[in-house]
Amino acid sequence: MDKKTEDFYIRLKEELANNTLWPSEYLYKFIVPADVEKVNKVENAFDKMGAVITTKHSKTGKYTSISVSVQMKDPQSVINKYQELSGIEGIISL
């Protein structure tokens, strides 16, 4: 992990710890290339977590936006999920 990414996660963890009561509902937003396999990887990462997942295709059909609302136990679990999904080629976390 590069320094910029590491700093981002440190800031995110501090912000989540200071501004949210845990456990809490967290909304993840991702954009992935419109590839069924990549969309499935994101959806499967939240399997059996009670997540509400919505997807929307871009006007050009090249990308799919994915919103995931899920109960998370603490800031570190939020970050762990971002890191787990960062391995998906072309994924953008918002």
N, C-alpha and C. Protein backbone atom coordinates (compact mmCIF):
# COMPACT_ATOMS: atom_id res chain seq x y z
N MET A 1 0.85 -1.17 0.00
CA MET A 1 0.00 0.00 0.00
C MET A 1 0.89 1.24 0.00
N ASP A 2 0.58 2.18 -0.89
CA ASP A 2 1.41 3.38 -0.95
C ASP A 2 1.06 4.34 0.19
N LYS A 3 1.92 5.32 0.39
CA LYS A 3 1.79 6.27 1.51
C LYS A 3 0.48 7.05 1.43
N LYS A 4 0.10 7.48 0.23
CA LYS A 4 -1.13 8.26 0.06
C LYS A 4 -2.36 7.44 0.48
N THR A 5 -2.40 6.19 0.08
CA THR A 5 -3.52 5.32 0.43
C THR A 5 -3.53 5.05 1.93
N GLU A 6 -2.36 4.80 2.48
CA GLU A 6 -2.25 4.55 3.92
C GLU A 6 -2.74 5.76 4.72
N ASP A 7 -2.35 6.95 4.30
CA ASP A 7 -2.79 8.18 4.97
C ASP A 7 -4.30 8.35 4.87
N PHE A 8 -4.88 8.00 3.71
CA PHE A 8 -6.32 8.10 3.53
C PHE A 8 -7.03 7.21 4.54
N TYR A 9 -6.58 5.97 4.69
CA TYR A 9 -7.23 5.04 5.62
C TYR A 9 -7.08 5.51 7.07
N ILE A 10 -5.95 6.08 7.41
CA ILE A 10 -5.76 6.60 8.77
C ILE A 10 -6.75 7.73 9.05
N ARG A 11 -6.87 8.66 8.09
CA ARG A 11 -7.82 9.77 8.25
C ARG A 11 -9.26 9.27 8.32
N LEU A 12 -9.61 8.32 7.46
CA LEU A 12 -10.96 7.77 7.46
C LEU A 12 -11.28 7.11 8.80
N LYS A 13 -10.36 6.33 9.31
CA LYS A 13 -10.58 5.65 10.58
C LYS A 13 -10.80 6.65 11.71
N GLU A 14 -9.99 7.71 11.74
CA GLU A 14 -10.14 8.74 12.77
C GLU A 14 -11.49 9.43 12.65
N GLU A 15 -11.87 9.77 11.42
CA GLU A 15 -13.15 10.47 11.20
C GLU A 15 -14.33 9.58 11.61
N LEU A 16 -14.29 8.33 11.23
CA LEU A 16 -15.37 7.41 11.59
C LEU A 16 -15.43 7.20 13.10
N ALA A 17 -14.29 7.08 13.74
CA ALA A 17 -14.25 6.86 15.19
C ALA A 17 -14.79 8.06 15.95
N ASN A 18 -14.51 9.26 15.46
CA ASN A 18 -14.89 10.47 16.17
C ASN A 18 -16.30 10.96 15.87
N ASN A 19 -16.89 10.54 14.76
CA ASN A 19 -18.16 11.11 14.34
C ASN A 19 -19.31 10.12 14.25
N THR A 20 -19.10 8.88 14.66
CA THR A 20 -20.13 7.86 14.52
C THR A 20 -20.16 6.98 15.76
N LEU A 21 -21.36 6.61 16.18
CA LEU A 21 -21.52 5.65 17.26
C LEU A 21 -21.56 4.25 16.64
N TRP A 22 -20.73 3.36 17.16
CA TRP A 22 -20.60 2.02 16.59
C TRP A 22 -21.22 0.99 17.49
N PRO A 23 -21.82 -0.08 16.94
CA PRO A 23 -21.96 -0.40 15.51
C PRO A 23 -22.91 0.58 14.83
N SER A 24 -22.76 0.70 13.51
CA SER A 24 -23.53 1.67 12.76
C SER A 24 -23.75 1.20 11.33
N GLU A 25 -24.80 1.76 10.72
CA GLU A 25 -25.06 1.52 9.30
C GLU A 25 -24.03 2.32 8.51
N TYR A 26 -23.42 1.70 7.51
CA TYR A 26 -22.42 2.39 6.68
C TYR A 26 -22.81 2.21 5.22
N LEU A 27 -22.66 3.28 4.45
CA LEU A 27 -22.98 3.23 3.03
C LEU A 27 -21.70 3.26 2.20
N TYR A 28 -21.43 2.14 1.56
CA TYR A 28 -20.31 2.04 0.62
C TYR A 28 -20.83 2.41 -0.76
N LYS A 29 -19.98 3.08 -1.55
CA LYS A 29 -20.32 3.36 -2.94
C LYS A 29 -19.10 3.02 -3.79
N PHE A 30 -19.36 2.24 -4.84
CA PHE A 30 -18.30 1.81 -5.73
C PHE A 30 -18.73 2.01 -7.17
N ILE A 31 -17.76 2.18 -8.03
CA ILE A 31 -17.98 2.14 -9.48
C ILE A 31 -17.02 1.08 -10.02
N VAL A 32 -17.57 0.17 -10.81
CA VAL A 32 -16.75 -0.88 -11.41
C VAL A 32 -17.07 -0.94 -12.91
N PRO A 33 -16.11 -1.43 -13.69
CA PRO A 33 -16.42 -1.66 -15.11
C PRO A 33 -17.63 -2.60 -15.20
N ALA A 34 -18.47 -2.41 -16.21
CA ALA A 34 -19.69 -3.20 -16.36
C ALA A 34 -19.34 -4.63 -16.75
N ASP A 35 -18.89 -5.38 -15.77
CA ASP A 35 -18.47 -6.77 -15.93
C ASP A 35 -19.18 -7.56 -14.84
N VAL A 36 -20.01 -8.50 -15.23
CA VAL A 36 -20.80 -9.26 -14.26
C VAL A 36 -19.93 -9.87 -13.17
N GLU A 37 -18.77 -10.37 -13.54
CA GLU A 37 -17.87 -11.00 -12.58
C GLU A 37 -17.42 -10.01 -11.51
N LYS A 38 -17.09 -8.78 -11.92
CA LYS A 38 -16.63 -7.77 -10.96
C LYS A 38 -17.77 -7.30 -10.06
N VAL A 39 -18.94 -7.13 -10.63
CA VAL A 39 -20.11 -6.75 -9.82
C VAL A 39 -20.40 -7.85 -8.81
N ASN A 40 -20.34 -9.10 -9.24
CA ASN A 40 -20.57 -10.23 -8.34
C ASN A 40 -19.55 -10.29 -7.22
N LYS A 41 -18.29 -9.96 -7.51
CA LYS A 41 -17.27 -9.97 -6.46
C LYS A 41 -17.61 -8.97 -5.37
N VAL A 42 -18.07 -7.79 -5.76
CA VAL A 42 -18.46 -6.78 -4.76
C VAL A 42 -19.66 -7.30 -3.96
N GLU A 43 -20.68 -7.78 -4.65
CA GLU A 43 -21.88 -8.27 -3.97
C GLU A 43 -21.54 -9.43 -3.04
N ASN A 44 -20.70 -10.35 -3.48
CA ASN A 44 -20.35 -11.51 -2.67
C ASN A 44 -19.55 -11.14 -1.43
N ALA A 45 -18.82 -10.04 -1.49
CA ALA A 45 -18.05 -9.60 -0.32
C ALA A 45 -18.96 -9.22 0.85
N PHE A 46 -20.22 -8.91 0.55
CA PHE A 46 -21.17 -8.52 1.59
C PHE A 46 -22.21 -9.60 1.84
N ASP A 47 -21.99 -10.78 1.28
CA ASP A 47 -22.92 -11.90 1.43
C ASP A 47 -23.06 -12.27 2.90
N LYS A 48 -24.27 -12.56 3.31
CA LYS A 48 -24.59 -12.99 4.68
C LYS A 48 -24.31 -11.91 5.73
N MET A 49 -24.28 -10.65 5.29
CA MET A 49 -24.07 -9.54 6.23
C MET A 49 -25.35 -8.71 6.38
N GLY A 50 -26.41 -9.09 5.69
CA GLY A 50 -27.66 -8.34 5.75
C GLY A 50 -27.60 -7.03 4.98
N ALA A 51 -26.72 -6.94 4.03
CA ALA A 51 -26.53 -5.71 3.26
C ALA A 51 -27.66 -5.50 2.26
N VAL A 52 -28.00 -4.22 2.06
CA VAL A 52 -28.93 -3.82 1.01
C VAL A 52 -28.07 -3.27 -0.12
N ILE A 53 -28.12 -3.94 -1.27
CA ILE A 53 -27.25 -3.59 -2.40
C ILE A 53 -28.10 -3.13 -3.57
N THR A 54 -27.72 -1.97 -4.12
CA THR A 54 -28.39 -1.49 -5.32
C THR A 54 -27.33 -1.23 -6.39
N THR A 55 -27.69 -1.52 -7.63
CA THR A 55 -26.77 -1.29 -8.75
C THR A 55 -27.46 -0.44 -9.80
N LYS A 56 -26.66 0.30 -10.52
CA LYS A 56 -27.17 1.14 -11.60
C LYS A 56 -26.10 1.20 -12.69
N HIS A 57 -26.53 0.98 -13.92
CA HIS A 57 -25.61 1.03 -15.05
C HIS A 57 -25.47 2.45 -15.56
N SER A 58 -24.28 2.81 -16.02
CA SER A 58 -24.06 4.14 -16.60
C SER A 58 -24.81 4.25 -17.92
N LYS A 59 -25.00 5.48 -18.37
CA LYS A 59 -25.71 5.71 -19.63
C LYS A 59 -25.03 5.02 -20.81
N THR A 60 -23.70 4.98 -20.78
CA THR A 60 -22.96 4.35 -21.88
C THR A 60 -22.87 2.84 -21.73
N GLY A 61 -23.20 2.35 -20.54
CA GLY A 61 -23.14 0.91 -20.29
C GLY A 61 -21.75 0.39 -19.98
N LYS A 62 -20.78 1.30 -19.82
CA LYS A 62 -19.40 0.88 -19.56
C LYS A 62 -19.13 0.62 -18.08
N TYR A 63 -19.95 1.22 -17.22
CA TYR A 63 -19.71 1.12 -15.78
C TYR A 63 -20.99 0.78 -15.04
N THR A 64 -20.80 0.22 -13.84
CA THR A 64 -21.90 -0.05 -12.94
C THR A 64 -21.58 0.58 -11.60
N SER A 65 -22.54 1.35 -11.07
CA SER A 65 -22.36 1.89 -9.72
C SER A 65 -23.05 0.95 -8.75
N ILE A 66 -22.42 0.74 -7.63
CA ILE A 66 -22.94 -0.18 -6.62
C ILE A 66 -22.97 0.55 -5.28
N SER A 67 -24.16 0.58 -4.67
CA SER A 67 -24.30 1.14 -3.33
C SER A 67 -24.62 0.00 -2.38
N VAL A 68 -23.92 -0.03 -1.25
CA VAL A 68 -24.11 -1.10 -0.29
C VAL A 68 -24.33 -0.46 1.09
N SER A 69 -25.51 -0.68 1.63
CA SER A 69 -25.82 -0.21 2.98
C SER A 69 -25.78 -1.43 3.90
N VAL A 70 -24.90 -1.36 4.90
CA VAL A 70 -24.68 -2.53 5.74
C VAL A 70 -24.29 -2.11 7.16
N GLN A 71 -24.69 -2.91 8.13
CA GLN A 71 -24.32 -2.67 9.52
C GLN A 71 -22.87 -3.12 9.73
N MET A 72 -22.04 -2.20 10.21
CA MET A 72 -20.63 -2.51 10.46
C MET A 72 -20.36 -2.31 11.95
N LYS A 73 -19.41 -3.12 12.49
CA LYS A 73 -19.20 -3.08 13.94
C LYS A 73 -18.29 -1.95 14.41
N ASP A 74 -17.33 -1.52 13.57
CA ASP A 74 -16.41 -0.47 14.00
C ASP A 74 -15.66 0.09 12.78
N PRO A 75 -14.93 1.20 12.96
CA PRO A 75 -14.21 1.80 11.84
C PRO A 75 -13.23 0.85 11.15
N GLN A 76 -12.57 0.00 11.91
CA GLN A 76 -11.59 -0.91 11.29
C GLN A 76 -12.27 -1.91 10.37
N SER A 77 -13.47 -2.36 10.72
CA SER A 77 -14.18 -3.30 9.85
C SER A 77 -14.58 -2.63 8.53
N VAL A 78 -14.89 -1.32 8.57
CA VAL A 78 -15.19 -0.56 7.35
C VAL A 78 -13.95 -0.53 6.46
N ILE A 79 -12.82 -0.21 7.05
CA ILE A 79 -11.56 -0.12 6.30
C ILE A 79 -11.15 -1.48 5.76
N ASN A 80 -11.31 -2.53 6.56
CA ASN A 80 -10.96 -3.87 6.11
C ASN A 80 -11.73 -4.25 4.84
N LYS A 81 -13.01 -3.86 4.78
CA LYS A 81 -13.83 -4.19 3.61
C LYS A 81 -13.34 -3.41 2.38
N TYR A 82 -13.00 -2.12 2.57
CA TYR A 82 -12.44 -1.34 1.46
C TYR A 82 -11.16 -2.00 0.94
N GLN A 83 -10.30 -2.42 1.87
CA GLN A 83 -9.03 -3.03 1.46
C GLN A 83 -9.26 -4.36 0.76
N GLU A 84 -10.22 -5.13 1.24
CA GLU A 84 -10.55 -6.42 0.60
C GLU A 84 -10.99 -6.21 -0.85
N LEU A 85 -11.80 -5.19 -1.07
CA LEU A 85 -12.33 -4.96 -2.41
C LEU A 85 -11.37 -4.21 -3.32
N SER A 86 -10.35 -3.60 -2.78
CA SER A 86 -9.40 -2.84 -3.60
C SER A 86 -8.66 -3.71 -4.61
N GLY A 87 -8.70 -5.02 -4.42
CA GLY A 87 -8.05 -5.94 -5.34
C GLY A 87 -8.82 -6.17 -6.63
N ILE A 88 -10.05 -5.68 -6.70
CA ILE A 88 -10.86 -5.85 -7.91
C ILE A 88 -10.36 -4.84 -8.95
N GLU A 89 -9.96 -5.35 -10.09
CA GLU A 89 -9.40 -4.49 -11.14
C GLU A 89 -10.43 -3.46 -11.62
N GLY A 90 -10.03 -2.19 -11.60
CA GLY A 90 -10.87 -1.12 -12.11
C GLY A 90 -11.86 -0.54 -11.13
N ILE A 91 -11.90 -1.07 -9.89
CA ILE A 91 -12.87 -0.57 -8.92
C ILE A 91 -12.49 0.83 -8.45
N ILE A 92 -13.51 1.67 -8.26
CA ILE A 92 -13.31 3.01 -7.70
C ILE A 92 -14.21 3.09 -6.47
N SER A 93 -13.62 3.42 -5.34
CA SER A 93 -14.37 3.59 -4.10
C SER A 93 -14.66 5.08 -3.93
N LEU A 94 -15.91 5.38 -3.63
CA LEU A 94 -16.31 6.79 -3.46
C LEU A 94 -16.55 7.09 -1.99
